N, C-alpha and C. Protein backbone atom coordinates (compact mmCIF):
# COMPACT_ATOMS: atom_id res chain seq x y z
N MET A 1 -222.31 58.90 -14.78
CA MET A 1 -221.65 58.25 -13.68
C MET A 1 -222.35 57.15 -13.06
N LYS A 2 -221.82 55.85 -13.24
CA LYS A 2 -222.70 54.64 -12.63
C LYS A 2 -221.90 53.91 -11.63
N THR A 3 -222.83 53.24 -10.82
CA THR A 3 -222.18 52.36 -9.88
C THR A 3 -221.17 51.40 -10.49
N GLY A 4 -219.98 51.22 -9.78
CA GLY A 4 -219.08 50.35 -10.36
C GLY A 4 -217.65 51.05 -11.21
N MET A 5 -218.13 52.31 -11.63
CA MET A 5 -217.12 53.24 -12.34
C MET A 5 -215.98 53.35 -11.81
N ARG A 6 -214.81 53.26 -12.16
CA ARG A 6 -213.55 53.59 -11.69
C ARG A 6 -213.10 54.64 -12.46
N PHE A 7 -212.55 55.52 -11.48
CA PHE A 7 -211.81 56.92 -11.85
C PHE A 7 -210.57 57.39 -11.36
N LYS A 8 -209.83 58.39 -12.16
CA LYS A 8 -208.60 58.80 -11.39
C LYS A 8 -208.81 60.45 -11.49
N SER A 9 -207.78 60.84 -10.86
CA SER A 9 -207.65 62.40 -10.60
C SER A 9 -206.70 62.82 -11.63
N ALA A 10 -206.86 64.06 -12.26
CA ALA A 10 -205.98 64.57 -13.21
C ALA A 10 -204.78 65.65 -12.52
N VAL A 11 -205.05 65.69 -11.17
CA VAL A 11 -204.13 66.78 -10.51
C VAL A 11 -203.26 65.84 -9.43
N CYS A 12 -203.66 64.89 -9.24
CA CYS A 12 -202.84 64.11 -8.04
C CYS A 12 -202.68 62.48 -8.37
N SER A 13 -202.40 61.65 -7.65
CA SER A 13 -202.56 60.12 -7.79
C SER A 13 -203.64 59.42 -7.19
N ALA A 14 -204.65 60.31 -6.68
CA ALA A 14 -205.96 59.63 -6.17
C ALA A 14 -206.73 58.92 -7.37
N GLU A 15 -207.21 57.83 -6.87
CA GLU A 15 -208.16 57.13 -7.97
C GLU A 15 -209.20 56.52 -6.57
N GLY A 16 -210.34 56.10 -7.43
CA GLY A 16 -211.64 55.66 -6.94
C GLY A 16 -212.46 55.01 -7.48
N MET A 17 -213.72 54.49 -6.93
CA MET A 17 -214.62 53.74 -7.48
C MET A 17 -215.98 54.21 -6.89
N VAL A 18 -217.12 54.50 -7.80
CA VAL A 18 -218.40 54.87 -7.40
C VAL A 18 -219.00 53.64 -6.81
N ILE A 19 -219.23 53.76 -5.44
CA ILE A 19 -220.06 52.81 -4.63
C ILE A 19 -221.73 52.84 -4.91
N ARG A 20 -222.04 54.07 -4.98
CA ARG A 20 -223.62 54.25 -5.01
C ARG A 20 -223.55 55.78 -5.94
N ALA A 21 -224.16 55.53 -6.95
CA ALA A 21 -224.49 56.58 -8.20
C ALA A 21 -225.36 57.66 -7.46
N ALA A 22 -225.01 58.96 -7.81
CA ALA A 22 -225.61 60.13 -7.43
C ALA A 22 -227.22 60.09 -8.04
N GLN A 23 -228.07 60.65 -7.15
CA GLN A 23 -229.40 60.61 -7.52
C GLN A 23 -230.00 62.18 -8.21
N GLY A 24 -228.74 62.71 -8.86
CA GLY A 24 -228.93 64.10 -9.47
C GLY A 24 -227.70 64.39 -10.30
N ASP A 25 -227.77 65.57 -10.92
CA ASP A 25 -226.61 65.93 -11.79
C ASP A 25 -225.62 66.66 -11.20
N GLY A 26 -224.53 66.44 -11.47
CA GLY A 26 -223.18 67.11 -11.09
C GLY A 26 -222.01 66.49 -11.56
N GLU A 27 -221.09 67.33 -11.17
CA GLU A 27 -219.71 66.59 -11.79
C GLU A 27 -218.74 66.27 -10.59
N LEU A 28 -218.24 65.26 -10.58
CA LEU A 28 -217.38 64.51 -9.60
C LEU A 28 -215.91 65.09 -9.83
N THR A 29 -215.35 65.74 -8.92
CA THR A 29 -214.07 66.27 -9.03
C THR A 29 -213.07 66.03 -7.91
N CYS A 30 -211.85 66.21 -8.19
CA CYS A 30 -210.63 65.87 -7.32
C CYS A 30 -209.59 66.98 -7.40
N GLY A 31 -209.63 67.53 -6.38
CA GLY A 31 -208.70 68.60 -6.15
C GLY A 31 -209.10 69.93 -7.16
N GLY A 32 -210.51 69.75 -7.46
CA GLY A 32 -210.92 71.06 -8.08
C GLY A 32 -211.09 70.78 -9.71
N VAL A 33 -210.66 69.55 -9.91
CA VAL A 33 -210.54 69.19 -11.52
C VAL A 33 -211.35 67.95 -11.73
N ALA A 34 -212.25 67.99 -12.67
CA ALA A 34 -213.04 66.85 -13.10
C ALA A 34 -212.32 65.55 -13.15
N VAL A 35 -212.90 64.48 -12.60
CA VAL A 35 -212.23 63.47 -12.64
C VAL A 35 -212.36 62.62 -14.10
N THR A 36 -211.66 61.58 -14.35
CA THR A 36 -211.57 60.85 -15.78
C THR A 36 -211.78 59.42 -15.41
N PRO A 37 -212.39 58.70 -16.43
CA PRO A 37 -212.33 57.28 -16.25
C PRO A 37 -211.04 56.69 -15.96
N ALA A 38 -211.00 55.66 -15.21
CA ALA A 38 -209.56 55.08 -14.92
C ALA A 38 -208.76 54.66 -16.26
N ASP A 39 -209.69 54.17 -17.25
CA ASP A 39 -208.92 53.75 -18.45
C ASP A 39 -209.15 54.73 -19.53
N GLY A 40 -209.48 56.05 -19.17
CA GLY A 40 -209.25 57.14 -20.19
C GLY A 40 -208.13 58.14 -20.16
N GLU A 41 -208.25 59.26 -20.76
CA GLU A 41 -206.76 59.96 -20.79
C GLU A 41 -207.18 61.00 -19.82
N ALA A 42 -206.26 61.24 -19.10
CA ALA A 42 -206.23 62.43 -17.95
C ALA A 42 -206.40 63.80 -18.62
N ALA A 43 -207.19 64.68 -18.03
CA ALA A 43 -207.24 65.95 -18.38
C ALA A 43 -205.82 66.81 -18.32
N GLU A 44 -205.60 67.71 -18.89
CA GLU A 44 -204.48 68.76 -18.87
C GLU A 44 -204.97 69.36 -17.75
N ALA A 45 -203.87 69.29 -16.66
CA ALA A 45 -204.18 70.19 -15.44
C ALA A 45 -202.81 70.31 -14.63
N SER A 46 -202.62 71.32 -13.75
CA SER A 46 -201.26 71.48 -13.15
C SER A 46 -201.51 70.67 -12.08
N PRO A 47 -200.28 69.90 -11.47
CA PRO A 47 -200.55 68.89 -10.39
C PRO A 47 -200.47 69.58 -9.05
N LEU A 48 -201.27 69.18 -8.05
CA LEU A 48 -201.02 69.87 -6.68
C LEU A 48 -199.78 69.75 -6.05
N ALA A 49 -199.29 70.64 -5.58
CA ALA A 49 -198.05 70.79 -4.92
C ALA A 49 -197.89 70.14 -3.63
N GLN A 50 -198.85 70.35 -2.64
CA GLN A 50 -199.15 69.90 -1.58
C GLN A 50 -200.55 69.48 -1.33
N ALA A 51 -200.72 68.61 -0.23
CA ALA A 51 -202.10 67.88 0.02
C ALA A 51 -203.20 69.10 0.63
N GLN A 52 -204.35 68.99 0.15
CA GLN A 52 -205.42 69.89 0.55
C GLN A 52 -205.61 69.05 1.88
N ASP A 53 -206.45 70.11 2.79
CA ASP A 53 -207.00 69.52 4.14
C ASP A 53 -207.79 68.57 4.09
N ASP A 54 -208.76 68.26 3.03
CA ASP A 54 -209.53 67.00 2.90
C ASP A 54 -208.89 65.94 1.83
N ALA A 55 -207.70 65.67 1.93
CA ALA A 55 -207.12 64.85 0.77
C ALA A 55 -207.50 63.39 0.83
N ALA A 56 -207.60 62.80 -0.03
CA ALA A 56 -208.31 61.54 -0.18
C ALA A 56 -207.35 60.62 0.50
N LEU A 57 -208.14 59.78 1.30
CA LEU A 57 -207.36 58.57 2.08
C LEU A 57 -207.53 57.29 1.65
N LEU A 58 -206.69 56.57 1.42
CA LEU A 58 -206.99 55.17 0.88
C LEU A 58 -207.78 54.20 1.74
N GLY A 59 -208.90 53.41 1.16
CA GLY A 59 -209.82 52.62 1.85
C GLY A 59 -210.92 53.40 2.42
N LYS A 60 -211.15 54.63 2.46
CA LYS A 60 -212.11 55.48 2.90
C LYS A 60 -213.19 55.85 2.00
N ARG A 61 -214.55 55.62 2.65
CA ARG A 61 -215.57 56.04 1.81
C ARG A 61 -215.98 57.50 1.94
N TYR A 62 -216.31 58.08 0.96
CA TYR A 62 -216.68 59.66 0.87
C TYR A 62 -218.36 59.58 0.36
N VAL A 63 -219.08 60.53 1.11
CA VAL A 63 -220.53 60.70 0.62
C VAL A 63 -221.13 62.03 0.29
N ASP A 64 -221.74 62.21 -0.51
CA ASP A 64 -222.54 63.58 -0.56
C ASP A 64 -224.03 63.36 -0.08
N GLU A 65 -224.36 63.72 1.01
CA GLU A 65 -225.50 63.72 1.55
C GLU A 65 -226.88 64.17 0.80
N GLU A 66 -226.77 65.20 -0.16
CA GLU A 66 -227.68 65.50 -0.80
C GLU A 66 -228.24 64.64 -1.86
N THR A 67 -227.30 63.91 -2.67
CA THR A 67 -227.68 63.02 -3.58
C THR A 67 -227.39 61.44 -3.40
N ASP A 68 -226.85 61.25 -2.21
CA ASP A 68 -226.61 60.00 -1.99
C ASP A 68 -225.22 59.30 -2.71
N LEU A 69 -224.48 60.37 -3.23
CA LEU A 69 -223.44 59.61 -4.07
C LEU A 69 -222.34 58.99 -2.91
N GLU A 70 -221.96 58.09 -3.30
CA GLU A 70 -220.78 57.34 -2.41
C GLU A 70 -219.77 56.87 -3.07
N VAL A 71 -218.34 57.13 -2.91
CA VAL A 71 -217.42 56.80 -3.57
C VAL A 71 -216.29 56.20 -2.73
N LEU A 72 -215.45 55.32 -3.23
CA LEU A 72 -214.40 54.63 -2.51
C LEU A 72 -213.04 55.05 -2.98
N CYS A 73 -212.12 55.47 -2.08
CA CYS A 73 -210.88 55.70 -2.60
C CYS A 73 -209.90 54.61 -2.55
N THR A 74 -209.34 54.27 -3.80
CA THR A 74 -208.75 52.96 -4.13
C THR A 74 -207.04 53.37 -4.10
N LYS A 75 -206.87 54.69 -4.26
CA LYS A 75 -205.34 55.19 -4.20
C LYS A 75 -205.30 56.46 -3.73
N ALA A 76 -204.68 56.74 -2.68
CA ALA A 76 -204.65 58.10 -1.97
C ALA A 76 -204.08 59.12 -2.80
N GLY A 77 -204.47 60.24 -2.39
CA GLY A 77 -203.84 61.48 -3.40
C GLY A 77 -203.94 62.74 -2.46
N PHE A 78 -203.21 63.97 -2.93
CA PHE A 78 -203.38 65.14 -2.31
C PHE A 78 -204.73 65.94 -2.51
N GLY A 79 -205.53 65.48 -3.48
CA GLY A 79 -206.75 66.26 -3.55
C GLY A 79 -207.75 65.59 -2.81
N GLY A 80 -208.81 66.62 -2.62
CA GLY A 80 -210.18 66.09 -2.12
C GLY A 80 -211.32 65.80 -2.95
N PHE A 81 -212.35 65.07 -2.80
CA PHE A 81 -213.32 64.85 -3.58
C PHE A 81 -214.33 65.81 -3.42
N ALA A 82 -215.23 66.24 -4.67
CA ALA A 82 -216.27 67.29 -4.35
C ALA A 82 -217.16 66.72 -5.47
N PHE A 83 -218.65 67.01 -5.08
CA PHE A 83 -219.38 66.85 -6.03
C PHE A 83 -220.43 67.92 -6.30
N ALA A 84 -220.70 68.41 -7.69
CA ALA A 84 -221.60 69.65 -7.75
C ALA A 84 -220.93 70.94 -6.92
N GLY A 85 -219.75 70.91 -6.85
CA GLY A 85 -219.04 72.02 -6.03
C GLY A 85 -219.16 71.80 -4.28
N ARG A 86 -219.55 70.66 -3.81
CA ARG A 86 -219.82 70.27 -2.56
C ARG A 86 -218.72 69.29 -2.14
N PRO A 87 -217.87 69.55 -1.16
CA PRO A 87 -216.80 68.52 -0.62
C PRO A 87 -217.57 67.47 -0.13
N LEU A 88 -217.23 66.03 -0.53
CA LEU A 88 -217.77 64.96 0.04
C LEU A 88 -217.15 64.70 1.25
N THR A 89 -217.85 64.16 2.28
CA THR A 89 -217.70 64.12 3.48
C THR A 89 -217.22 62.52 3.78
N LEU A 90 -216.26 62.46 4.70
CA LEU A 90 -215.86 61.16 5.36
C LEU A 90 -216.93 60.19 5.76
N LYS A 91 -217.30 59.05 5.25
CA LYS A 91 -218.63 58.16 5.97
C LYS A 91 -218.04 57.86 7.13
N GLN A 92 -218.85 57.98 8.06
CA GLN A 92 -218.72 57.48 9.36
C GLN A 92 -218.94 56.10 9.67
N ALA A 93 -218.22 55.28 10.37
CA ALA A 93 -218.77 53.71 10.59
C ALA A 93 -219.91 53.70 11.60
N LYS A 94 -220.70 52.81 11.20
CA LYS A 94 -221.98 52.38 12.04
C LYS A 94 -221.42 51.99 13.33
N SER A 95 -222.25 52.46 14.54
CA SER A 95 -221.69 51.73 15.64
C SER A 95 -222.37 50.45 15.95
N LEU A 96 -221.71 49.62 16.66
CA LEU A 96 -222.33 48.31 16.97
C LEU A 96 -222.99 48.37 18.14
N PRO A 97 -224.21 47.54 18.18
CA PRO A 97 -224.83 47.61 19.43
C PRO A 97 -224.18 46.93 20.71
N ALA A 98 -224.24 47.63 21.89
CA ALA A 98 -223.60 47.08 22.99
C ALA A 98 -224.12 45.46 23.26
N SER A 99 -223.15 44.61 23.58
CA SER A 99 -223.50 43.40 24.06
C SER A 99 -223.21 43.27 25.59
N ASP A 100 -224.16 42.83 26.23
CA ASP A 100 -223.99 42.78 27.63
C ASP A 100 -224.41 41.47 28.05
């Protein structure tokens, strides 16, 4: 997995791009199934019937604190992103300093 790599889910319409590559080994998944390169053939998997609690949201960044992996969701979907079995968390925006 490299910075700039685009990927898609095999179980829903989610797509994304790696913003910062992981500093360790693991598998990026969406909806519990490994993602595939955007230009590759999707793996055989049953599509998700309904959205998971941590469904991928368009334009949001997701991070794995342990490995510094950061992905950007470029197309929303029912599945949630995970890396090495750990769900990715929604990256919070940095607060701006108060201007007085």
